């Protein structure tokens, strides 16, 4: 476990006290860890939802057409 000395302003101190009370934490150290964990989930890349992963895999397996030029693509779009 790493220990550090942190200087907090009055607002930050009050905020940690509120977080500590709201979530039933024992001390401000736990409150700081809680806030870091919650913020870290949003800050770092979240895992993709399983449904979204499946949808991406379906897209990869789909049928695709290659076009050699924009004109060929235009013809295909206009025929639809």
C-alpha atoms as a PDB file:
ATOM      1  CA  UNK A   1       0.000   0.000   0.000  1.00  0.00           C
ATOM      2  CA  UNK A   2       1.262   3.447  -0.908  1.00  0.00           C
ATOM      3  CA  UNK A   3       0.851   6.348   1.480  1.00  0.00           C
ATOM      4  CA  UNK A   4       0.825   9.984   0.502  1.00  0.00           C
ATOM      5  CA  UNK A   5       0.176  13.363   2.038  1.00  0.00           C
ATOM      6  CA  UNK A   6      -2.549  15.300   0.257  1.00  0.00           C
ATOM      7  CA  UNK A   7      -3.430  18.943   0.767  1.00  0.00           C
ATOM      8  CA  UNK A   8      -7.132  19.531   0.306  1.00  0.00           C
ATOM      9  CA  UNK A   9      -9.055  22.754   0.057  1.00  0.00           C
ATOM     10  CA  UNK A  10     -12.116  23.323   2.195  1.00  0.00           C
ATOM     11  CA  UNK A  11     -14.516  22.390  -0.631  1.00  0.00           C
ATOM     12  CA  UNK A  12     -12.675  19.141  -1.399  1.00  0.00           C
ATOM     13  CA  UNK A  13     -12.585  18.281   2.313  1.00  0.00           C
ATOM     14  CA  UNK A  14     -16.355  18.816   2.602  1.00  0.00           C
ATOM     15  CA  UNK A  15     -16.954  16.788  -0.525  1.00  0.00           C
ATOM     16  CA  UNK A  16     -14.962  13.844   0.847  1.00  0.00           C
ATOM     17  CA  UNK A  17     -16.873  14.076   4.123  1.00  0.00           C
ATOM     18  CA  UNK A  18     -20.160  13.910   2.200  1.00  0.00           C
ATOM     19  CA  UNK A  19     -18.954  10.943   0.098  1.00  0.00           C
ATOM     20  CA  UNK A  20     -17.748   9.220   3.251  1.00  0.00           C
ATOM     21  CA  UNK A  21     -21.119   9.653   4.965  1.00  0.00           C
ATOM     22  CA  UNK A  22     -23.253   8.861   1.929  1.00  0.00           C
ATOM     23  CA  UNK A  23     -21.509   5.574   1.161  1.00  0.00           C
ATOM     24  CA  UNK A  24     -20.794   4.548   4.773  1.00  0.00           C
ATOM     25  CA  UNK A  25     -17.010   4.617   4.464  1.00  0.00           C
ATOM     26  CA  UNK A  26     -14.811   4.468   7.560  1.00  0.00           C
ATOM     27  CA  UNK A  27     -12.456   7.337   6.787  1.00  0.00           C
ATOM     28  CA  UNK A  28     -11.449   9.904   4.175  1.00  0.00           C
ATOM     29  CA  UNK A  29      -8.812   7.579   2.787  1.00  0.00           C
ATOM     30  CA  UNK A  30     -11.554   5.160   1.772  1.00  0.00           C
ATOM     31  CA  UNK A  31     -13.534   8.103   0.365  1.00  0.00           C
ATOM     32  CA  UNK A  32     -10.555   9.171  -1.786  1.00  0.00           C
ATOM     33  CA  UNK A  33     -10.117   5.607  -3.049  1.00  0.00           C
ATOM     34  CA  UNK A  34     -13.852   5.399  -3.800  1.00  0.00           C
ATOM     35  CA  UNK A  35     -13.829   8.638  -5.805  1.00  0.00           C
ATOM     36  CA  UNK A  36     -10.709   7.559  -7.713  1.00  0.00           C
ATOM     37  CA  UNK A  37     -12.285   4.185  -8.550  1.00  0.00           C
ATOM     38  CA  UNK A  38     -15.514   5.798  -9.778  1.00  0.00           C
ATOM     39  CA  UNK A  39     -13.700   8.433 -11.816  1.00  0.00           C
ATOM     40  CA  UNK A  40     -11.242   5.887 -13.190  1.00  0.00           C
ATOM     41  CA  UNK A  41     -14.051   3.806 -14.668  1.00  0.00           C
ATOM     42  CA  UNK A  42     -15.218   6.812 -16.678  1.00  0.00           C
ATOM     43  CA  UNK A  43     -11.757   8.053 -17.564  1.00  0.00           C
ATOM     44  CA  UNK A  44     -10.256   4.827 -18.813  1.00  0.00           C
ATOM     45  CA  UNK A  45     -11.670   2.993 -21.795  1.00  0.00           C
ATOM     46  CA  UNK A  46     -14.603   0.932 -20.610  1.00  0.00           C
ATOM     47  CA  UNK A  47     -15.057  -2.593 -21.870  1.00  0.00           C
ATOM     48  CA  UNK A  48     -17.401  -2.960 -24.773  1.00  0.00           C
ATOM     49  CA  UNK A  49     -20.830  -4.271 -23.938  1.00  0.00           C
ATOM     50  CA  UNK A  50     -21.255  -7.906 -25.056  1.00  0.00           C
ATOM     51  CA  UNK A  51     -24.145  -6.954 -27.373  1.00  0.00           C
ATOM     52  CA  UNK A  52     -21.982  -4.400 -29.127  1.00  0.00           C
ATOM     53  CA  UNK A  53     -19.132  -6.885 -29.519  1.00  0.00           C
ATOM     54  CA  UNK A  54     -21.523  -9.348 -31.183  1.00  0.00           C
ATOM     55  CA  UNK A  55     -22.809  -6.654 -33.521  1.00  0.00           C
ATOM     56  CA  UNK A  56     -19.250  -5.745 -34.550  1.00  0.00           C
ATOM     57  CA  UNK A  57     -18.445  -9.379 -35.267  1.00  0.00           C
ATOM     58  CA  UNK A  58     -21.568  -9.694 -37.440  1.00  0.00           C
ATOM     59  CA  UNK A  59     -20.446  -6.647 -39.396  1.00  0.00           C
ATOM     60  CA  UNK A  60     -17.059  -8.245 -40.042  1.00  0.00           C
ATOM     61  CA  UNK A  61     -18.717 -11.379 -41.428  1.00  0.00           C
ATOM     62  CA  UNK A  62     -21.112  -9.455 -43.692  1.00  0.00           C
ATOM     63  CA  UNK A  63     -21.200  -9.456 -47.482  1.00  0.00           C
ATOM     64  CA  UNK A  64     -19.339  -6.575 -49.052  1.00  0.00           C
ATOM     65  CA  UNK A  65     -18.790  -5.361 -52.584  1.00  0.00           C
ATOM     66  CA  UNK A  66     -15.619  -3.820 -53.896  1.00  0.00           C
ATOM     67  CA  UNK A  67     -15.754  -0.872 -56.205  1.00  0.00           C
ATOM     68  CA  UNK A  68     -12.893   0.106 -58.462  1.00  0.00           C
ATOM     69  CA  UNK A  69     -14.101   3.666 -58.882  1.00  0.00           C
ATOM     70  CA  UNK A  70     -16.562   6.210 -57.586  1.00  0.00           C
ATOM     71  CA  UNK A  71     -18.517   5.874 -60.818  1.00  0.00           C
ATOM     72  CA  UNK A  72     -19.120   2.176 -60.150  1.00  0.00           C
ATOM     73  CA  UNK A  73     -20.312   3.010 -56.642  1.00  0.00           C
ATOM     74  CA  UNK A  74     -22.623   5.702 -58.014  1.00  0.00           C
ATOM     75  CA  UNK A  75     -24.133   3.257 -60.494  1.00  0.00           C
ATOM     76  CA  UNK A  76     -24.787   0.754 -57.709  1.00  0.00           C
ATOM     77  CA  UNK A  77     -26.440   3.360 -55.506  1.00  0.00           C
ATOM     78  CA  UNK A  78     -28.595   4.738 -58.303  1.00  0.00           C
ATOM     79  CA  UNK A  79     -29.827   1.271 -59.286  1.00  0.00           C
ATOM     80  CA  UNK A  80     -31.126   0.604 -55.791  1.00  0.00           C
END
